[in-house]
Structure formats: C-alpha cells, structure tokens
Protein backbone atom coordinates (compact mmCIF):
# COMPACT_ATOMS: atom_id res chain seq x y z
CA MET A 1 -49.57 -135.63 -98.41
CA ALA A 2 -52.66 -133.81 -98.94
CA VAL A 3 -51.28 -132.12 -101.93
CA ILE A 4 -49.90 -135.57 -103.73
CA PHE A 5 -53.46 -137.00 -103.38
CA GLY A 6 -55.47 -133.73 -104.27
CA THR A 7 -52.91 -133.56 -107.50
CA MET A 8 -53.51 -137.16 -108.61
CA HIS A 9 -57.38 -136.89 -108.01
CA VAL A 10 -57.35 -133.84 -110.35
CA VAL A 11 -55.23 -135.24 -112.86
CA LYS A 12 -57.61 -138.44 -113.00
CA ARG A 13 -60.80 -136.17 -113.39
CA ALA A 14 -59.29 -134.13 -115.67
CA GLY A 15 -58.06 -136.77 -117.98
CA LEU A 16 -54.51 -135.01 -117.86
CA GLU A 17 -52.98 -138.60 -118.59
CA ASP A 18 -54.10 -138.45 -122.12
CA PRO A 19 -51.25 -138.66 -124.33
CA GLU A 20 -53.01 -135.25 -126.16
CA TYR A 21 -51.94 -133.07 -122.63
CA MET A 22 -48.29 -134.79 -123.36
CA PRO A 23 -46.48 -131.66 -124.76
CA LEU A 24 -48.45 -129.25 -122.75
CA ILE A 25 -47.29 -131.28 -119.46
CA ARG A 26 -43.57 -131.58 -120.38
CA SER A 27 -43.41 -127.67 -121.43
CA VAL A 28 -45.14 -126.61 -117.75
CA TYR A 29 -42.52 -129.05 -116.22
CA GLY A 30 -39.70 -127.40 -118.36
CA ILE A 31 -40.74 -123.93 -117.11
CA ALA A 32 -41.25 -124.72 -113.52
CA THR A 33 -37.92 -126.90 -113.38
CA ALA A 34 -36.04 -123.64 -115.06
CA LEU A 35 -37.55 -120.99 -112.81
CA MET A 36 -36.63 -123.13 -109.58
CA ILE A 37 -33.26 -123.52 -110.66
CA GLY A 38 -32.77 -119.90 -111.32
CA LEU A 39 -34.51 -118.83 -108.18
CA THR A 40 -31.70 -120.81 -106.43
CA PHE A 41 -29.05 -118.66 -108.36
CA TYR A 42 -30.92 -115.77 -107.69
CA MET A 43 -31.12 -116.47 -103.96
CA LYS A 44 -27.07 -117.25 -104.15
CA SER A 45 -26.44 -113.58 -105.34
CA MET A 46 -28.55 -112.46 -102.79
CA VAL A 47 -26.56 -114.09 -99.92
CA THR A 48 -23.20 -113.25 -101.71
CA LYS A 49 -24.28 -109.84 -101.91
CA LYS A 50 -25.48 -109.50 -98.41
CA ASN A 51 -22.00 -111.17 -97.08
CA ASP A 52 -23.40 -111.58 -93.70
CA THR A 53 -19.75 -113.14 -91.72
CA THR A 54 -21.75 -113.36 -88.63
CA ALA A 55 -20.24 -116.10 -86.99
CA LEU A 56 -21.99 -119.47 -86.43
CA GLU A 57 -21.24 -122.39 -84.70
CA TYR A 58 -23.28 -125.70 -84.00
CA ASP A 59 -22.69 -129.43 -83.64
CA ASP A 60 -22.97 -131.18 -86.86
CA PRO A 61 -26.31 -133.18 -86.99
CA ALA A 62 -25.31 -135.74 -89.97
CA PRO A 63 -25.11 -139.37 -88.91
CA GLY A 64 -21.33 -140.62 -88.00
CA ASN A 65 -20.40 -136.89 -87.48
CA GLN A 66 -22.53 -136.12 -84.21
CA GLY A 67 -20.50 -134.45 -81.75
CA GLU A 68 -18.20 -132.77 -84.46
CA ARG A 69 -18.43 -128.80 -83.78
CA ILE A 70 -18.69 -126.93 -86.91
CA VAL A 71 -17.73 -123.27 -87.05
CA THR A 72 -18.60 -121.25 -89.91
CA THR A 73 -20.55 -118.04 -90.98
CA ASN A 74 -23.89 -117.03 -92.12
CA VAL A 75 -22.89 -116.42 -95.72
CA LYS A 76 -21.26 -120.16 -95.99
CA HIS A 77 -24.04 -121.69 -94.12
CA ASP A 78 -26.33 -120.09 -96.67
CA ILE A 79 -24.42 -120.94 -99.78
CA SER A 80 -23.78 -124.44 -98.91
CA GLU A 81 -27.73 -124.91 -97.91
CA ILE A 82 -28.18 -123.52 -101.69
CA ALA A 83 -25.85 -125.90 -103.08
CA LYS A 84 -27.55 -128.77 -101.32
CA LEU A 85 -30.76 -127.75 -102.91
CA GLN A 86 -29.42 -127.40 -106.69
CA LYS A 87 -27.88 -131.12 -106.10
CA SER A 88 -31.10 -132.66 -104.88
CA THR A 89 -33.23 -130.61 -107.67
CA LEU A 90 -30.82 -131.72 -110.47
CA MET A 91 -31.15 -135.28 -109.04
CA THR A 92 -34.78 -135.12 -108.99
CA VAL A 93 -34.98 -133.94 -112.49
CA GLY A 94 -32.87 -136.68 -113.53
CA ILE A 95 -34.91 -139.47 -111.86
CA VAL A 96 -38.36 -137.86 -113.35
CA VAL A 97 -37.29 -137.64 -116.66
CA PHE A 98 -36.04 -140.85 -116.58
CA MET A 99 -39.29 -142.27 -115.46
CA HIS A 100 -41.08 -140.46 -117.88
CA PHE A 101 -39.19 -141.09 -121.39
CA LYS A 102 -38.22 -144.84 -120.24
CA PHE A 103 -42.00 -145.75 -118.31
CA GLY A 104 -44.20 -143.20 -119.89
CA TYR A 105 -45.18 -141.88 -116.37
CA ILE A 106 -46.50 -138.54 -116.43
CA GLN A 107 -47.97 -138.05 -112.74
CA PRO A 108 -44.09 -137.33 -111.73
CA LEU A 109 -44.23 -134.76 -113.98
CA ILE A 110 -46.83 -133.07 -112.86
CA LEU A 111 -45.99 -133.55 -108.89
CA GLN A 112 -42.69 -132.43 -109.51
CA THR A 113 -43.75 -129.02 -111.08
CA LEU A 114 -45.99 -127.96 -107.85
CA LEU A 115 -44.08 -129.82 -104.99
CA PRO A 116 -40.63 -128.35 -105.54
CA MET A 117 -42.17 -124.93 -105.56
CA LEU A 118 -44.14 -125.38 -102.70
CA ASN A 119 -41.03 -126.64 -100.72
CA MET A 120 -39.09 -123.80 -102.02
CA TYR A 121 -41.84 -121.25 -100.69
CA LYS A 122 -41.84 -122.94 -97.21
CA SER A 123 -37.96 -122.93 -96.97
CA PRO A 124 -35.97 -120.87 -94.72
CA LEU A 125 -33.58 -119.82 -97.94
CA PHE A 126 -36.77 -118.23 -99.83
CA GLN A 127 -37.96 -116.79 -96.39
CA ILE A 128 -35.35 -114.84 -95.57
CA HIS A 129 -33.60 -113.89 -98.60
CA ILE A 130 -36.62 -113.40 -100.95
CA LEU A 131 -39.53 -112.48 -98.77
CA GLY A 132 -36.91 -110.24 -96.30
CA LYS A 133 -38.34 -112.17 -92.78
CA PRO A 134 -35.62 -112.22 -89.87
CA ALA A 135 -33.75 -115.24 -89.38
CA THR A 136 -35.24 -115.69 -85.66
CA ASP A 137 -37.60 -118.45 -84.57
CA ASP A 138 -38.10 -121.14 -86.89
CA LEU A 139 -35.86 -119.28 -89.52
CA LYS A 140 -32.96 -119.22 -87.25
CA ARG A 141 -29.60 -121.21 -88.07
CA PRO A 142 -28.60 -123.54 -88.52
CA TRP A 143 -31.48 -125.10 -90.42
CA ILE A 144 -31.67 -128.77 -89.56
CA PRO A 145 -34.12 -130.93 -90.78
CA ALA A 146 -36.30 -132.51 -88.45
CA ASN A 147 -36.08 -136.20 -87.90
CA PRO A 148 -39.61 -137.89 -88.35
CA PHE A 149 -38.56 -140.88 -86.43
CA ALA A 150 -36.79 -139.21 -83.85
CA GLY A 151 -39.82 -139.88 -81.24
CA PHE A 152 -40.35 -143.44 -82.07
CA GLY A 153 -37.18 -144.60 -79.61
CA SER A 154 -37.79 -142.36 -76.98
CA GLY A 155 -41.63 -143.26 -77.02
CA SER A 156 -40.47 -147.01 -77.08
CA SER A 157 -37.94 -146.46 -74.51
CA ALA A 158 -40.74 -144.72 -72.34
CA ASN A 159 -43.01 -147.67 -72.98
CA ALA A 160 -40.76 -150.36 -72.21
CA ASN A 161 -39.44 -147.97 -68.70
CA SER A 162 -43.08 -147.88 -68.13
CA GLU A 163 -43.68 -151.53 -68.23
CA GLY A 164 -40.45 -152.31 -66.41
CA ASN A 165 -41.64 -150.21 -63.54
CA ASP A 166 -45.04 -152.05 -64.14
CA ASP A 167 -43.52 -155.34 -63.40
CA ALA A 168 -41.30 -154.15 -60.42
CA GLN A 169 -44.11 -153.06 -58.75
CA ALA A 170 -46.23 -155.94 -59.65
CA GLU A 171 -43.10 -158.25 -57.84
CA ALA A 172 -42.75 -155.91 -54.83
CA SER A 173 -46.96 -156.10 -54.25
CA SER A 174 -46.53 -159.68 -54.72
CA GLY A 175 -43.54 -160.14 -52.41
CA ASN A 176 -45.30 -158.03 -49.82
CA ASP A 177 -48.50 -160.00 -50.20
CA SER A 178 -46.10 -163.38 -49.63
CA ALA A 179 -44.65 -162.00 -46.70
CA SER A 180 -47.96 -161.06 -45.03
CA ASP A 181 -49.13 -165.02 -45.55
CA SER A 182 -46.05 -166.22 -44.06
CA GLU A 183 -46.30 -163.83 -40.92
CA ALA A 184 -50.10 -164.83 -40.54
CA THR A 185 -49.51 -168.73 -41.26
CA SER A 186 -46.43 -168.30 -38.54
CA GLY A 187 -48.55 -166.63 -36.24
CA LYS A 188 -51.22 -169.22 -36.45
CA ASN A 189 -48.70 -172.24 -36.15
CA GLU A 190 -47.49 -170.08 -32.81
CA LYS A 191 -51.28 -170.10 -31.34
CA ASP A 192 -51.91 -173.31 -32.22
CA GLU A 193 -48.77 -174.76 -30.42
CA GLU A 194 -49.72 -172.78 -27.28
CA THR A 195 -53.16 -174.24 -27.15
CA ARG A 196 -51.82 -177.73 -27.03
CA LYS A 197 -49.35 -177.00 -24.39
CA ASP A 198 -52.13 -175.36 -22.26
CA LYS A 199 -54.22 -178.82 -22.92
C-alpha cells in the first residue's frame, strides 16, 4: 500500500498525468511488461534445465478441493506456478490497456510498471531460480498464498467463546448467590419458628 500511495503522490507532484508524458509512460509500461513476460520464460527454461524430479506431496489448498491430496514433483510444481504467473500477467495487461484506451487512465500504467516487478522480486520463483537461494523456510514448496482473512474467523470464534464463558460464569455466580440467599432466608425462618415455640 505504501508503494501505491507513494507512487500516486509522485505522479501528482511531477505532473505525469499531463498528456505530453503519455508516449513516454506507454513506452516504459510496454518495456516493463515485455521484460516481465520474458523473465517468466527465462525462469521456465531454468526450471526445465534443472529438472528437479524430487517428489512433492501436499493437500490442495483450493476452495472446494480441500483435503484432496496432490502428488507431483518440484519441476512440475514450479512450471505450474510460472504458468499461473504468466496467465495473471496477461490478464492484468488486458485490463490495464482497456482502462487506459477506453477511459484515458494513466495511473494504472504507472502502477503496473512498478508493482509486478516488485512482486516478481519477492516471489519464490525469482528468489530460487534467479537469485539461487535454497528452497527452505519461507521458500519451501509448496508456495501457498497466505489468506489475509484467515485470522478473522478464529478471532471471532475466540471472542464468541470468551463471551460465552463469561456469561456462563456470570450465570453460575448468580446461581450461587441465589442459593446462598435462599439458605440464609431458610435459616432465618427456622430460628424465628424456634423462638415462637419457646415463647
């Protein structure tokens, strides 16, 4: 988010939304997109060349397929991830180009010149096959994107359980107090009865 807001601030301060910068921005976006797509094909060639046939087995994280076991190899896994990246890149290019030529938006061109390259640098594919880092810790396969909403359900459940426990404790306390009051009243009545008998 900081990159997005920072980029938008620079765009406005530098006046890059002026039509005179349009050809330059289009050219830079085209070069960045071509470089991005070319990089995915280069990584695919690196993966194919390594041909890491180490067995890889994990549960399918896709909605509706949870619990289904996936049995593959590292090379097939990485090629599949590259195909997903290429598909998402082309879809994004289509949307950005449509928005630009249909509505004249310039900001998406600028953002999509920077963000994909930044995300590519952070990706396990780039870290392993370009920078040569070992596939361990955060780079360990399979690369399952984190669910940003995963903690909300558990947090709500925990709060609900906590509130339920508090209510139960309050009811138990109330019940104990009522029982104590009842016992005290009963004892007082018995004493009054004995006093009347003595008289």
